[in-house]
C-alpha atoms as a PDB file:
ATOM      1  CA  UNK A   1     128.895  36.297 132.796  1.00  0.00           C
ATOM      2  CA  UNK A   2     129.624  35.765 136.492  1.00  0.00           C
ATOM      3  CA  UNK A   3     133.048  37.401 136.246  1.00  0.00           C
ATOM      4  CA  UNK A   4     131.640  40.271 134.177  1.00  0.00           C
ATOM      5  CA  UNK A   5     129.127  40.904 136.956  1.00  0.00           C
ATOM      6  CA  UNK A   6     131.933  40.813 139.535  1.00  0.00           C
ATOM      7  CA  UNK A   7     133.873  43.352 137.485  1.00  0.00           C
ATOM      8  CA  UNK A   8     130.937  45.772 137.670  1.00  0.00           C
ATOM      9  CA  UNK A   9     130.247  45.218 141.371  1.00  0.00           C
ATOM     10  CA  UNK A  10     132.752  47.810 142.725  1.00  0.00           C
ATOM     11  CA  UNK A  11     130.910  50.543 140.836  1.00  0.00           C
ATOM     12  CA  UNK A  12     127.528  49.276 142.014  1.00  0.00           C
ATOM     13  CA  UNK A  13     128.650  49.256 145.646  1.00  0.00           C
ATOM     14  CA  UNK A  14     130.089  52.778 145.292  1.00  0.00           C
ATOM     15  CA  UNK A  15     126.799  54.034 143.863  1.00  0.00           C
ATOM     16  CA  UNK A  16     124.900  52.340 146.666  1.00  0.00           C
ATOM     17  CA  UNK A  17     127.211  54.011 149.195  1.00  0.00           C
ATOM     18  CA  UNK A  18     126.499  57.453 147.727  1.00  0.00           C
ATOM     19  CA  UNK A  19     122.757  56.742 147.821  1.00  0.00           C
ATOM     20  CA  UNK A  20     122.888  55.470 151.414  1.00  0.00           C
ATOM     21  CA  UNK A  21     124.926  58.443 152.606  1.00  0.00           C
ATOM     22  CA  UNK A  22     122.602  60.931 150.890  1.00  0.00           C
ATOM     23  CA  UNK A  23     119.601  59.154 152.417  1.00  0.00           C
ATOM     24  CA  UNK A  24     121.218  59.410 155.844  1.00  0.00           C
ATOM     25  CA  UNK A  25     121.781  63.166 155.497  1.00  0.00           C
ATOM     26  CA  UNK A  26     118.185  63.613 154.298  1.00  0.00           C
ATOM     27  CA  UNK A  27     116.553  61.589 157.112  1.00  0.00           C
ATOM     28  CA  UNK A  28     118.925  61.563 160.131  1.00  0.00           C
ATOM     29  CA  UNK A  29     116.360  59.727 162.287  1.00  0.00           C
ATOM     30  CA  UNK A  30     116.886  56.557 160.218  1.00  0.00           C
ATOM     31  CA  UNK A  31     120.502  56.159 161.381  1.00  0.00           C
ATOM     32  CA  UNK A  32     122.178  53.684 160.883  1.00  0.00           C
ATOM     33  CA  UNK A  33     119.924  51.738 158.483  1.00  0.00           C
ATOM     34  CA  UNK A  34     120.702  53.671 155.263  1.00  0.00           C
ATOM     35  CA  UNK A  35     124.425  53.124 155.874  1.00  0.00           C
ATOM     36  CA  UNK A  36     124.119  49.414 156.588  1.00  0.00           C
ATOM     37  CA  UNK A  37     122.867  48.794 153.042  1.00  0.00           C
ATOM     38  CA  UNK A  38     126.186  49.616 151.265  1.00  0.00           C
ATOM     39  CA  UNK A  39     128.199  47.955 154.057  1.00  0.00           C
ATOM     40  CA  UNK A  40     126.177  44.758 153.586  1.00  0.00           C
ATOM     41  CA  UNK A  41     126.651  45.013 149.815  1.00  0.00           C
ATOM     42  CA  UNK A  42     130.422  45.287 150.330  1.00  0.00           C
ATOM     43  CA  UNK A  43     130.380  42.107 152.419  1.00  0.00           C
ATOM     44  CA  UNK A  44     128.337  40.212 149.824  1.00  0.00           C
ATOM     45  CA  UNK A  45     130.508  41.322 146.913  1.00  0.00           C
ATOM     46  CA  UNK A  46     133.655  40.551 148.900  1.00  0.00           C
ATOM     47  CA  UNK A  47     132.336  37.055 149.601  1.00  0.00           C
ATOM     48  CA  UNK A  48     131.586  36.602 145.884  1.00  0.00           C
ATOM     49  CA  UNK A  49     135.130  37.696 145.027  1.00  0.00           C
ATOM     50  CA  UNK A  50     136.591  35.167 147.461  1.00  0.00           C
ATOM     51  CA  UNK A  51     134.291  32.305 146.424  1.00  0.00           C
ATOM     52  CA  UNK A  52     136.130  31.512 143.172  1.00  0.00           C
ATOM     53  CA  UNK A  53     139.559  32.762 144.263  1.00  0.00           C
ATOM     54  CA  UNK A  54     142.504  30.439 144.799  1.00  0.00           C
ATOM     55  CA  UNK A  55     144.157  32.645 147.433  1.00  0.00           C
ATOM     56  CA  UNK A  56     140.998  33.492 149.342  1.00  0.00           C
ATOM     57  CA  UNK A  57     142.718  33.782 152.729  1.00  0.00           C
ATOM     58  CA  UNK A  58     144.978  36.577 151.473  1.00  0.00           C
ATOM     59  CA  UNK A  59     141.955  38.247 149.893  1.00  0.00           C
ATOM     60  CA  UNK A  60     139.990  38.076 153.127  1.00  0.00           C
ATOM     61  CA  UNK A  61     142.865  39.637 155.081  1.00  0.00           C
ATOM     62  CA  UNK A  62     143.135  42.402 152.471  1.00  0.00           C
ATOM     63  CA  UNK A  63     139.412  43.260 152.373  1.00  0.00           C
ATOM     64  CA  UNK A  64     138.667  43.122 156.102  1.00  0.00           C
ATOM     65  CA  UNK A  65     140.376  46.434 157.136  1.00  0.00           C
ATOM     66  CA  UNK A  66     138.217  48.333 154.650  1.00  0.00           C
ATOM     67  CA  UNK A  67     135.122  46.806 156.265  1.00  0.00           C
ATOM     68  CA  UNK A  68     136.299  48.217 159.618  1.00  0.00           C
ATOM     69  CA  UNK A  69     136.950  51.591 157.971  1.00  0.00           C
ATOM     70  CA  UNK A  70     133.429  51.626 156.503  1.00  0.00           C
ATOM     71  CA  UNK A  71     131.977  51.027 159.960  1.00  0.00           C
ATOM     72  CA  UNK A  72     134.101  53.877 161.334  1.00  0.00           C
ATOM     73  CA  UNK A  73     133.069  56.310 158.591  1.00  0.00           C
ATOM     74  CA  UNK A  74     129.458  55.243 159.097  1.00  0.00           C
ATOM     75  CA  UNK A  75     129.918  55.946 162.807  1.00  0.00           C
ATOM     76  CA  UNK A  76     131.320  59.343 161.816  1.00  0.00           C
ATOM     77  CA  UNK A  77     128.058  60.238 160.046  1.00  0.00           C
ATOM     78  CA  UNK A  78     126.522  60.909 163.467  1.00  0.00           C
ATOM     79  CA  UNK A  79     127.785  64.447 164.063  1.00  0.00           C
ATOM     80  CA  UNK A  80     128.903  65.691 160.635  1.00  0.00           C
ATOM     81  CA  UNK A  81     127.136  69.024 160.141  1.00  0.00           C
ATOM     82  CA  UNK A  82     129.003  71.235 157.647  1.00  0.00           C
ATOM     83  CA  UNK A  83     128.306  70.849 153.935  1.00  0.00           C
ATOM     84  CA  UNK A  84     131.957  70.451 152.977  1.00  0.00           C
ATOM     85  CA  UNK A  85     132.583  67.698 155.511  1.00  0.00           C
ATOM     86  CA  UNK A  86     129.399  65.917 154.458  1.00  0.00           C
ATOM     87  CA  UNK A  87     130.520  65.912 150.824  1.00  0.00           C
ATOM     88  CA  UNK A  88     133.959  64.606 151.849  1.00  0.00           C
ATOM     89  CA  UNK A  89     132.438  61.911 154.078  1.00  0.00           C
ATOM     90  CA  UNK A  90     130.085  60.763 151.317  1.00  0.00           C
ATOM     91  CA  UNK A  91     132.939  60.641 148.817  1.00  0.00           C
ATOM     92  CA  UNK A  92     135.116  58.674 151.225  1.00  0.00           C
ATOM     93  CA  UNK A  93     132.261  56.292 152.044  1.00  0.00           C
ATOM     94  CA  UNK A  94     131.900  55.543 148.315  1.00  0.00           C
ATOM     95  CA  UNK A  95     135.600  55.540 147.409  1.00  0.00           C
ATOM     96  CA  UNK A  96     136.757  53.011 150.027  1.00  0.00           C
ATOM     97  CA  UNK A  97     134.629  50.023 148.898  1.00  0.00           C
ATOM     98  CA  UNK A  98     135.184  50.830 145.218  1.00  0.00           C
ATOM     99  CA  UNK A  99     138.968  51.052 145.549  1.00  0.00           C
ATOM    100  CA  UNK A 100     139.278  47.985 147.791  1.00  0.00           C
ATOM    101  CA  UNK A 101     137.158  45.811 145.512  1.00  0.00           C
ATOM    102  CA  UNK A 102     139.057  47.035 142.446  1.00  0.00           C
ATOM    103  CA  UNK A 103     142.346  46.083 144.103  1.00  0.00           C
ATOM    104  CA  UNK A 104     140.857  42.754 145.175  1.00  0.00           C
ATOM    105  CA  UNK A 105     139.923  41.966 141.575  1.00  0.00           C
ATOM    106  CA  UNK A 106     143.473  42.536 140.378  1.00  0.00           C
ATOM    107  CA  UNK A 107     145.022  40.698 143.315  1.00  0.00           C
ATOM    108  CA  UNK A 108     142.783  37.628 143.025  1.00  0.00           C
ATOM    109  CA  UNK A 109     142.085  37.358 139.283  1.00  0.00           C
ATOM    110  CA  UNK A 110     144.559  39.573 137.395  1.00  0.00           C
ATOM    111  CA  UNK A 111     147.742  39.562 139.452  1.00  0.00           C
ATOM    112  CA  UNK A 112     149.889  40.757 136.541  1.00  0.00           C
ATOM    113  CA  UNK A 113     148.263  44.198 136.815  1.00  0.00           C
ATOM    114  CA  UNK A 114     148.091  44.338 140.624  1.00  0.00           C
ATOM    115  CA  UNK A 115     150.146  47.305 141.947  1.00  0.00           C
ATOM    116  CA  UNK A 116     152.895  46.176 144.304  1.00  0.00           C
ATOM    117  CA  UNK A 117     151.879  46.470 147.983  1.00  0.00           C
ATOM    118  CA  UNK A 118     148.745  48.411 147.049  1.00  0.00           C
ATOM    119  CA  UNK A 119     146.658  47.017 149.906  1.00  0.00           C
ATOM    120  CA  UNK A 120     149.489  47.699 152.357  1.00  0.00           C
ATOM    121  CA  UNK A 121     149.531  51.371 151.370  1.00  0.00           C
ATOM    122  CA  UNK A 122     145.736  51.557 151.537  1.00  0.00           C
ATOM    123  CA  UNK A 123     145.658  50.093 155.036  1.00  0.00           C
ATOM    124  CA  UNK A 124     148.303  52.547 156.199  1.00  0.00           C
ATOM    125  CA  UNK A 125     146.273  55.448 154.794  1.00  0.00           C
ATOM    126  CA  UNK A 126     143.136  54.242 156.581  1.00  0.00           C
ATOM    127  CA  UNK A 127     144.715  54.680 160.025  1.00  0.00           C
ATOM    128  CA  UNK A 128     144.674  58.513 160.331  1.00  0.00           C
ATOM    129  CA  UNK A 129     141.291  58.688 158.585  1.00  0.00           C
ATOM    130  CA  UNK A 130     139.679  56.223 160.988  1.00  0.00           C
ATOM    131  CA  UNK A 131     141.293  57.801 164.045  1.00  0.00           C
ATOM    132  CA  UNK A 132     140.038  61.242 163.043  1.00  0.00           C
ATOM    133  CA  UNK A 133     136.435  60.102 162.601  1.00  0.00           C
ATOM    134  CA  UNK A 134     136.518  58.099 165.836  1.00  0.00           C
ATOM    135  CA  UNK A 135     137.943  60.958 167.899  1.00  0.00           C
ATOM    136  CA  UNK A 136     135.731  63.628 166.328  1.00  0.00           C
ATOM    137  CA  UNK A 137     132.570  61.613 166.959  1.00  0.00           C
ATOM    138  CA  UNK A 138     133.548  60.529 170.459  1.00  0.00           C
ATOM    139  CA  UNK A 139     134.229  64.123 171.473  1.00  0.00           C
ATOM    140  CA  UNK A 140     130.567  64.858 170.757  1.00  0.00           C
ATOM    141  CA  UNK A 141     129.342  61.699 172.493  1.00  0.00           C
ATOM    142  CA  UNK A 142     131.542  62.455 175.522  1.00  0.00           C
ATOM    143  CA  UNK A 143     129.374  65.492 176.307  1.00  0.00           C
ATOM    144  CA  UNK A 144     126.353  63.253 176.937  1.00  0.00           C
ATOM    145  CA  UNK A 145     127.844  59.833 177.768  1.00  0.00           C
ATOM    146  CA  UNK A 146     131.427  60.280 179.023  1.00  0.00           C
ATOM    147  CA  UNK A 147     131.910  56.731 180.297  1.00  0.00           C
ATOM    148  CA  UNK A 148     130.444  55.103 177.189  1.00  0.00           C
ATOM    149  CA  UNK A 149     132.606  57.299 174.955  1.00  0.00           C
ATOM    150  CA  UNK A 150     135.734  56.281 176.867  1.00  0.00           C
ATOM    151  CA  UNK A 151     135.008  52.570 176.489  1.00  0.00           C
ATOM    152  CA  UNK A 152     134.223  52.975 172.794  1.00  0.00           C
ATOM    153  CA  UNK A 153     137.524  54.813 172.290  1.00  0.00           C
ATOM    154  CA  UNK A 154     139.548  52.083 174.005  1.00  0.00           C
ATOM    155  CA  UNK A 155     137.769  49.325 172.069  1.00  0.00           C
ATOM    156  CA  UNK A 156     138.129  51.163 168.759  1.00  0.00           C
ATOM    157  CA  UNK A 157     141.848  51.764 169.317  1.00  0.00           C
ATOM    158  CA  UNK A 158     142.492  48.108 170.150  1.00  0.00           C
ATOM    159  CA  UNK A 159     140.491  46.767 167.203  1.00  0.00           C
ATOM    160  CA  UNK A 160     141.844  49.325 164.741  1.00  0.00           C
ATOM    161  CA  UNK A 161     145.518  48.942 165.649  1.00  0.00           C
ATOM    162  CA  UNK A 162     145.345  45.129 165.759  1.00  0.00           C
ATOM    163  CA  UNK A 163     143.638  45.075 162.351  1.00  0.00           C
ATOM    164  CA  UNK A 164     146.312  47.438 161.014  1.00  0.00           C
ATOM    165  CA  UNK A 165     149.174  45.233 162.195  1.00  0.00           C
ATOM    166  CA  UNK A 166     147.406  42.064 161.038  1.00  0.00           C
ATOM    167  CA  UNK A 167     146.554  43.559 157.651  1.00  0.00           C
ATOM    168  CA  UNK A 168     150.148  44.631 156.995  1.00  0.00           C
ATOM    169  CA  UNK A 169     151.790  41.390 158.186  1.00  0.00           C
ATOM    170  CA  UNK A 170     153.725  39.199 155.752  1.00  0.00           C
ATOM    171  CA  UNK A 171     152.323  35.838 156.824  1.00  0.00           C
ATOM    172  CA  UNK A 172     152.149  34.221 160.251  1.00  0.00           C
ATOM    173  CA  UNK A 173     154.783  31.521 159.966  1.00  0.00           C
ATOM    174  CA  UNK A 174     157.448  33.689 161.582  1.00  0.00           C
ATOM    175  CA  UNK A 175     157.309  34.103 165.342  1.00  0.00           C
ATOM    176  CA  UNK A 176     158.378  37.725 164.900  1.00  0.00           C
ATOM    177  CA  UNK A 177     155.116  38.613 163.148  1.00  0.00           C
ATOM    178  CA  UNK A 178     153.091  36.988 165.927  1.00  0.00           C
ATOM    179  CA  UNK A 179     155.053  38.916 168.559  1.00  0.00           C
ATOM    180  CA  UNK A 180     154.324  42.159 166.755  1.00  0.00           C
ATOM    181  CA  UNK A 181     150.617  41.306 166.766  1.00  0.00           C
ATOM    182  CA  UNK A 182     150.669  40.918 170.557  1.00  0.00           C
ATOM    183  CA  UNK A 183     152.694  44.125 170.846  1.00  0.00           C
ATOM    184  CA  UNK A 184     150.030  45.947 168.823  1.00  0.00           C
ATOM    185  CA  UNK A 185     147.562  45.435 171.691  1.00  0.00           C
ATOM    186  CA  UNK A 186     149.921  47.233 174.089  1.00  0.00           C
ATOM    187  CA  UNK A 187     150.468  49.999 171.530  1.00  0.00           C
ATOM    188  CA  UNK A 188     146.696  50.405 171.160  1.00  0.00           C
ATOM    189  CA  UNK A 189     146.170  50.650 174.927  1.00  0.00           C
ATOM    190  CA  UNK A 190     148.966  53.229 175.161  1.00  0.00           C
ATOM    191  CA  UNK A 191     147.368  55.221 172.351  1.00  0.00           C
ATOM    192  CA  UNK A 192     143.929  55.090 173.981  1.00  0.00           C
ATOM    193  CA  UNK A 193     145.389  56.256 177.315  1.00  0.00           C
ATOM    194  CA  UNK A 194     146.985  59.282 175.646  1.00  0.00           C
ATOM    195  CA  UNK A 195     143.755  60.141 173.845  1.00  0.00           C
ATOM    196  CA  UNK A 196     141.800  60.005 177.106  1.00  0.00           C
ATOM    197  CA  UNK A 197     144.275  61.737 179.410  1.00  0.00           C
ATOM    198  CA  UNK A 198     145.982  64.434 177.329  1.00  0.00           C
ATOM    199  CA  UNK A 199     143.969  67.701 177.510  1.00  0.00           C
ATOM    200  CA  UNK A 200     144.572  69.015 174.008  1.00  0.00           C
ATOM    201  CA  UNK A 201     142.922  69.506 170.630  1.00  0.00           C
ATOM    202  CA  UNK A 202     141.734  66.938 168.115  1.00  0.00           C
ATOM    203  CA  UNK A 203     144.525  67.889 165.687  1.00  0.00           C
ATOM    204  CA  UNK A 204     147.225  67.200 168.298  1.00  0.00           C
ATOM    205  CA  UNK A 205     145.608  63.880 169.207  1.00  0.00           C
ATOM    206  CA  UNK A 206     145.670  62.905 165.541  1.00  0.00           C
ATOM    207  CA  UNK A 207     149.322  63.889 165.104  1.00  0.00           C
ATOM    208  CA  UNK A 208     150.419  61.995 168.211  1.00  0.00           C
ATOM    209  CA  UNK A 209     148.435  58.932 167.154  1.00  0.00           C
ATOM    210  CA  UNK A 210     150.037  58.986 163.699  1.00  0.00           C
ATOM    211  CA  UNK A 211     153.543  59.170 165.202  1.00  0.00           C
ATOM    212  CA  UNK A 212     152.857  56.444 167.757  1.00  0.00           C
ATOM    213  CA  UNK A 213     151.693  54.106 165.013  1.00  0.00           C
ATOM    214  CA  UNK A 214     154.237  55.106 162.378  1.00  0.00           C
ATOM    215  CA  UNK A 215     157.258  54.379 164.591  1.00  0.00           C
ATOM    216  CA  UNK A 216     156.530  50.698 165.428  1.00  0.00           C
ATOM    217  CA  UNK A 217     155.318  49.973 161.891  1.00  0.00           C
ATOM    218  CA  UNK A 218     158.551  51.400 160.508  1.00  0.00           C
ATOM    219  CA  UNK A 219     160.605  49.380 163.008  1.00  0.00           C
ATOM    220  CA  UNK A 220     158.792  46.205 161.984  1.00  0.00           C
ATOM    221  CA  UNK A 221     159.499  46.941 158.330  1.00  0.00           C
ATOM    222  CA  UNK A 222     163.188  47.575 159.049  1.00  0.00           C
ATOM    223  CA  UNK A 223     163.455  44.348 161.043  1.00  0.00           C
ATOM    224  CA  UNK A 224     161.837  42.423 158.194  1.00  0.00           C
ATOM    225  CA  UNK A 225     163.702  43.897 155.226  1.00  0.00           C
ATOM    226  CA  UNK A 226     167.086  44.686 156.844  1.00  0.00           C
ATOM    227  CA  UNK A 227     167.982  47.010 153.961  1.00  0.00           C
ATOM    228  CA  UNK A 228     168.095  50.331 155.846  1.00  0.00           C
ATOM    229  CA  UNK A 229     171.509  51.797 156.634  1.00  0.00           C
ATOM    230  CA  UNK A 230     172.410  53.043 160.108  1.00  0.00           C
ATOM    231  CA  UNK A 231     172.681  56.623 158.850  1.00  0.00           C
ATOM    232  CA  UNK A 232     169.145  56.509 157.449  1.00  0.00           C
ATOM    233  CA  UNK A 233     167.899  54.923 160.659  1.00  0.00           C
ATOM    234  CA  UNK A 234     169.452  57.668 162.788  1.00  0.00           C
ATOM    235  CA  UNK A 235     168.092  60.349 160.453  1.00  0.00           C
ATOM    236  CA  UNK A 236     164.552  58.989 160.629  1.00  0.00           C
ATOM    237  CA  UNK A 237     164.793  58.699 164.412  1.00  0.00           C
ATOM    238  CA  UNK A 238     166.027  62.283 164.731  1.00  0.00           C
ATOM    239  CA  UNK A 239     163.223  63.602 162.511  1.00  0.00           C
ATOM    240  CA  UNK A 240     160.651  61.670 164.531  1.00  0.00           C
ATOM    241  CA  UNK A 241     162.041  63.068 167.783  1.00  0.00           C
ATOM    242  CA  UNK A 242     162.059  66.644 166.466  1.00  0.00           C
ATOM    243  CA  UNK A 243     158.453  66.384 165.271  1.00  0.00           C
ATOM    244  CA  UNK A 244     157.428  64.855 168.608  1.00  0.00           C
ATOM    245  CA  UNK A 245     159.094  67.683 170.568  1.00  0.00           C
ATOM    246  CA  UNK A 246     157.576  70.338 168.288  1.00  0.00           C
ATOM    247  CA  UNK A 247     154.120  68.940 168.972  1.00  0.00           C
ATOM    248  CA  UNK A 248     154.714  68.810 172.718  1.00  0.00           C
ATOM    249  CA  UNK A 249     156.095  72.357 172.983  1.00  0.00           C
ATOM    250  CA  UNK A 250     153.842  74.166 170.493  1.00  0.00           C
ATOM    251  CA  UNK A 251     150.472  72.489 171.093  1.00  0.00           C
ATOM    252  CA  UNK A 252     147.724  74.124 173.109  1.00  0.00           C
ATOM    253  CA  UNK A 253     147.092  72.223 176.330  1.00  0.00           C
ATOM    254  CA  UNK A 254     144.144  72.425 178.639  1.00  0.00           C
END
């Protein structure tokens, strides 16, 4: 009975997320209390999943980035005004806990049906989504509280990038993985500096952030697997450079 209840919990949390998001749109003055209800439910269900699991440490590391993403999307509820974006935000707010808990069930209790590297791909996909919501919301906050918005951006970049590198690491026994974790802090500070100093649009900020994060993550993967040929490495580097230059020379500045 306990495991049957756990199997239904992802759907219950998703429904609660839809209800909380709709409640938030209906009564904006209640922010953030309607959104904290599904986030708290995700934490409780995640704890229940880990309670009986043998590999609970791996499960905790896999579920934690989605918790950060839920906080970011909840933060993004502040200044979402158009109907289409509200529908998308509500759907995302419900999909993330459902999908993460479904993957956690297979990883912890039915590993034969767990898709290979599913959580790794999910965590990678969360990066541009979280950055977009953070930047879009902070642009609105910057009008009223410029200094507070700057500090929030720096903190969010550091936490988000460190969680990304930690969530996609293959264990901590190798010194190389620990060095990459420390390097992620420097990458996050570099990213935050570009977001604060470059006078350009939100789309360009998002593209630059994606490139700045994709390059070191790809290098870490190549250093770990050592299965990429030199020709493929040079090709990927050339494509990255061309895209970078296209952004720099075609973007609107100022």
